[in-house]
Amino acid sequence: MEPRFKRSNAVTYDEGCAPKLQDKLYLGDAISEFPAVDNNEPRDEMPYGTDPKTEFQKFIRLREEIIQSSGNGVHR
């Protein structure tokens, strides 16, 4: 059965204008700072051990600080 409506996305910009796209986000950008974890790790939480290396990691850590300081009972 043929679909009734075909969907498409179009991105347009003025000719001669080079749009500035955000950098790609890769899985490694998000998890490269995580410490190694063994199968029998007894801790629920572990320190990062390094400073954030990417803008995404900085953003995530900032959000954690906001959540912890908001007083809403959510603490990590």
N, C-alpha and C. Protein backbone atom coordinates (compact mmCIF):
# COMPACT_ATOMS: atom_id res chain seq x y z
N MET A 1 0.84 -1.18 0.00
CA MET A 1 0.00 0.00 0.00
C MET A 1 0.89 1.25 0.00
N GLU A 2 0.63 2.15 -0.86
CA GLU A 2 1.40 3.39 -1.00
C GLU A 2 1.02 4.36 0.13
N PRO A 3 2.02 4.96 0.80
CA PRO A 3 1.68 5.92 1.85
C PRO A 3 0.95 7.13 1.27
N ARG A 4 0.06 7.69 2.05
CA ARG A 4 -0.72 8.84 1.59
C ARG A 4 0.13 10.10 1.49
N PHE A 5 1.00 10.29 2.47
CA PHE A 5 1.83 11.48 2.49
C PHE A 5 3.30 11.07 2.54
N LYS A 6 4.09 11.70 1.76
CA LYS A 6 5.52 11.47 1.82
C LYS A 6 6.13 12.61 2.62
N ARG A 7 7.02 12.24 3.52
CA ARG A 7 7.64 13.25 4.36
C ARG A 7 9.06 13.51 3.89
N SER A 8 9.45 14.75 3.98
CA SER A 8 10.83 15.11 3.66
C SER A 8 11.24 16.32 4.48
N ASN A 9 12.51 16.46 4.62
CA ASN A 9 13.08 17.61 5.31
C ASN A 9 13.95 18.37 4.33
N ALA A 10 13.84 19.67 4.35
CA ALA A 10 14.67 20.49 3.48
C ALA A 10 15.38 21.53 4.34
N VAL A 11 16.67 21.64 4.15
CA VAL A 11 17.46 22.66 4.83
C VAL A 11 17.94 23.62 3.75
N THR A 12 17.59 24.88 3.91
CA THR A 12 17.98 25.85 2.89
C THR A 12 18.75 27.00 3.53
N TYR A 13 19.56 27.64 2.72
CA TYR A 13 20.27 28.84 3.14
C TYR A 13 20.61 29.64 1.90
N ASP A 14 20.88 30.91 2.11
CA ASP A 14 21.18 31.79 0.98
C ASP A 14 22.46 31.35 0.28
N GLU A 15 22.45 31.43 -1.03
CA GLU A 15 23.64 31.08 -1.80
C GLU A 15 24.79 32.01 -1.42
N GLY A 16 25.95 31.45 -1.26
CA GLY A 16 27.11 32.23 -0.86
C GLY A 16 27.26 32.35 0.65
N CYS A 17 26.27 31.88 1.38
CA CYS A 17 26.31 31.90 2.84
C CYS A 17 26.70 30.51 3.33
N ALA A 18 27.79 30.44 4.05
CA ALA A 18 28.23 29.14 4.58
C ALA A 18 27.69 28.98 5.99
N PRO A 19 26.72 28.09 6.18
CA PRO A 19 26.15 27.91 7.52
C PRO A 19 27.18 27.31 8.48
N LYS A 20 27.10 27.71 9.73
CA LYS A 20 27.99 27.17 10.77
C LYS A 20 27.20 26.10 11.52
N LEU A 21 27.56 24.86 11.30
CA LEU A 21 26.90 23.74 11.97
C LEU A 21 27.64 23.41 13.25
N GLN A 22 26.93 22.86 14.22
CA GLN A 22 27.57 22.42 15.45
C GLN A 22 28.47 21.22 15.15
N ASP A 23 29.49 21.07 15.98
CA ASP A 23 30.37 19.92 15.83
C ASP A 23 29.60 18.64 16.09
N LYS A 24 30.04 17.55 15.47
CA LYS A 24 29.42 16.25 15.69
C LYS A 24 29.70 15.79 17.11
N LEU A 25 28.79 15.04 17.67
CA LEU A 25 28.98 14.46 18.99
C LEU A 25 29.10 12.95 18.82
N TYR A 26 30.22 12.42 19.26
CA TYR A 26 30.48 10.99 19.17
C TYR A 26 30.34 10.36 20.54
N LEU A 27 30.09 9.08 20.58
CA LEU A 27 29.97 8.36 21.84
C LEU A 27 31.22 8.55 22.69
N GLY A 28 32.38 8.51 22.06
CA GLY A 28 33.63 8.70 22.79
C GLY A 28 33.72 10.05 23.48
N ASP A 29 33.05 11.08 22.91
CA ASP A 29 33.03 12.40 23.54
C ASP A 29 32.32 12.34 24.89
N ALA A 30 31.35 11.47 24.99
CA ALA A 30 30.57 11.38 26.21
C ALA A 30 31.19 10.46 27.25
N ILE A 31 31.78 9.35 26.83
CA ILE A 31 32.20 8.35 27.81
C ILE A 31 33.70 8.19 27.98
N SER A 32 34.50 8.96 27.27
CA SER A 32 35.95 8.76 27.34
C SER A 32 36.53 9.10 28.71
N GLU A 33 35.81 9.88 29.51
CA GLU A 33 36.33 10.25 30.82
C GLU A 33 35.94 9.25 31.92
N PHE A 34 35.10 8.30 31.62
CA PHE A 34 34.66 7.35 32.64
C PHE A 34 35.79 6.43 33.05
N PRO A 35 35.89 6.14 34.34
CA PRO A 35 36.92 5.20 34.79
C PRO A 35 36.55 3.77 34.39
N ALA A 36 37.56 2.93 34.31
CA ALA A 36 37.29 1.52 34.01
C ALA A 36 36.53 0.89 35.17
N VAL A 37 35.60 0.01 34.86
CA VAL A 37 34.78 -0.65 35.87
C VAL A 37 34.87 -2.16 35.66
N ASP A 38 35.20 -2.87 36.73
CA ASP A 38 35.25 -4.33 36.67
C ASP A 38 33.85 -4.90 36.89
N ASN A 39 33.68 -6.17 36.58
CA ASN A 39 32.38 -6.82 36.76
C ASN A 39 31.92 -6.82 38.20
N ASN A 40 32.84 -6.90 39.13
CA ASN A 40 32.48 -6.97 40.56
C ASN A 40 32.73 -5.66 41.29
N GLU A 41 32.56 -4.54 40.62
CA GLU A 41 32.79 -3.23 41.23
C GLU A 41 31.78 -3.01 42.35
N PRO A 42 32.22 -2.79 43.60
CA PRO A 42 31.29 -2.64 44.72
C PRO A 42 30.72 -1.23 44.86
N ARG A 43 31.34 -0.24 44.24
CA ARG A 43 30.88 1.14 44.42
C ARG A 43 29.75 1.48 43.46
N ASP A 44 28.79 2.26 43.95
CA ASP A 44 27.72 2.76 43.09
C ASP A 44 28.17 4.00 42.32
N GLU A 45 29.07 4.78 42.92
CA GLU A 45 29.58 5.99 42.29
C GLU A 45 31.09 5.99 42.35
N MET A 46 31.70 6.56 41.32
CA MET A 46 33.15 6.65 41.25
C MET A 46 33.53 8.06 40.79
N PRO A 47 34.65 8.57 41.28
CA PRO A 47 35.09 9.88 40.79
C PRO A 47 35.56 9.79 39.35
N TYR A 48 35.46 10.89 38.65
CA TYR A 48 35.91 10.92 37.25
C TYR A 48 37.40 10.67 37.14
N GLY A 49 38.19 11.30 37.99
CA GLY A 49 39.63 11.08 37.97
C GLY A 49 40.38 12.01 37.04
N THR A 50 39.69 12.67 36.11
CA THR A 50 40.32 13.62 35.20
C THR A 50 39.39 14.81 35.01
N ASP A 51 39.95 15.88 34.48
CA ASP A 51 39.12 17.02 34.11
C ASP A 51 38.38 16.70 32.82
N PRO A 52 37.24 17.35 32.59
CA PRO A 52 36.52 17.11 31.34
C PRO A 52 37.38 17.48 30.14
N LYS A 53 37.31 16.68 29.07
CA LYS A 53 38.13 16.88 27.89
C LYS A 53 37.36 17.52 26.73
N THR A 54 36.04 17.42 26.76
CA THR A 54 35.23 17.94 25.66
C THR A 54 34.18 18.90 26.20
N GLU A 55 33.62 19.70 25.30
CA GLU A 55 32.56 20.63 25.70
C GLU A 55 31.35 19.87 26.24
N PHE A 56 31.06 18.72 25.66
CA PHE A 56 29.93 17.92 26.12
C PHE A 56 30.15 17.47 27.56
N GLN A 57 31.35 17.01 27.88
CA GLN A 57 31.65 16.58 29.25
C GLN A 57 31.53 17.74 30.23
N LYS A 58 31.99 18.93 29.83
CA LYS A 58 31.84 20.12 30.68
C LYS A 58 30.37 20.41 30.92
N PHE A 59 29.57 20.32 29.88
CA PHE A 59 28.14 20.58 29.97
C PHE A 59 27.46 19.60 30.92
N ILE A 60 27.76 18.32 30.78
CA ILE A 60 27.15 17.30 31.63
C ILE A 60 27.53 17.52 33.09
N ARG A 61 28.79 17.81 33.36
CA ARG A 61 29.21 18.04 34.74
C ARG A 61 28.56 19.28 35.33
N LEU A 62 28.39 20.31 34.53
CA LEU A 62 27.72 21.51 34.99
C LEU A 62 26.29 21.18 35.39
N ARG A 63 25.61 20.38 34.59
CA ARG A 63 24.23 19.99 34.91
C ARG A 63 24.18 19.19 36.20
N GLU A 64 25.16 18.33 36.46
CA GLU A 64 25.20 17.56 37.70
C GLU A 64 25.33 18.50 38.89
N GLU A 65 26.17 19.53 38.77
CA GLU A 65 26.34 20.49 39.86
C GLU A 65 25.05 21.24 40.13
N ILE A 66 24.34 21.60 39.08
CA ILE A 66 23.07 22.31 39.24
C ILE A 66 22.05 21.42 39.93
N ILE A 67 21.97 20.18 39.53
CA ILE A 67 21.02 19.24 40.14
C ILE A 67 21.34 19.05 41.62
N GLN A 68 22.62 18.90 41.94
CA GLN A 68 23.02 18.67 43.32
C GLN A 68 22.75 19.89 44.19
N SER A 69 22.90 21.09 43.65
CA SER A 69 22.73 22.29 44.45
C SER A 69 21.31 22.84 44.44
N SER A 70 20.39 22.20 43.71
CA SER A 70 19.03 22.74 43.57
C SER A 70 18.18 22.50 44.82
N GLY A 71 18.61 21.61 45.70
CA GLY A 71 17.84 21.37 46.92
C GLY A 71 16.59 20.57 46.69
N ASN A 72 16.49 19.88 45.58
CA ASN A 72 15.29 19.11 45.29
C ASN A 72 15.35 17.68 45.79
N GLY A 73 16.37 17.38 46.59
CA GLY A 73 16.48 16.05 47.14
C GLY A 73 17.22 15.07 46.25
N VAL A 74 17.61 15.49 45.07
CA VAL A 74 18.34 14.62 44.17
C VAL A 74 19.81 14.89 44.36
N HIS A 75 20.53 13.94 44.91
CA HIS A 75 21.96 14.10 45.11
C HIS A 75 22.66 12.89 44.55
N ARG A 76 23.77 13.12 43.91
CA ARG A 76 24.53 12.02 43.32
C ARG A 76 25.83 11.87 44.04
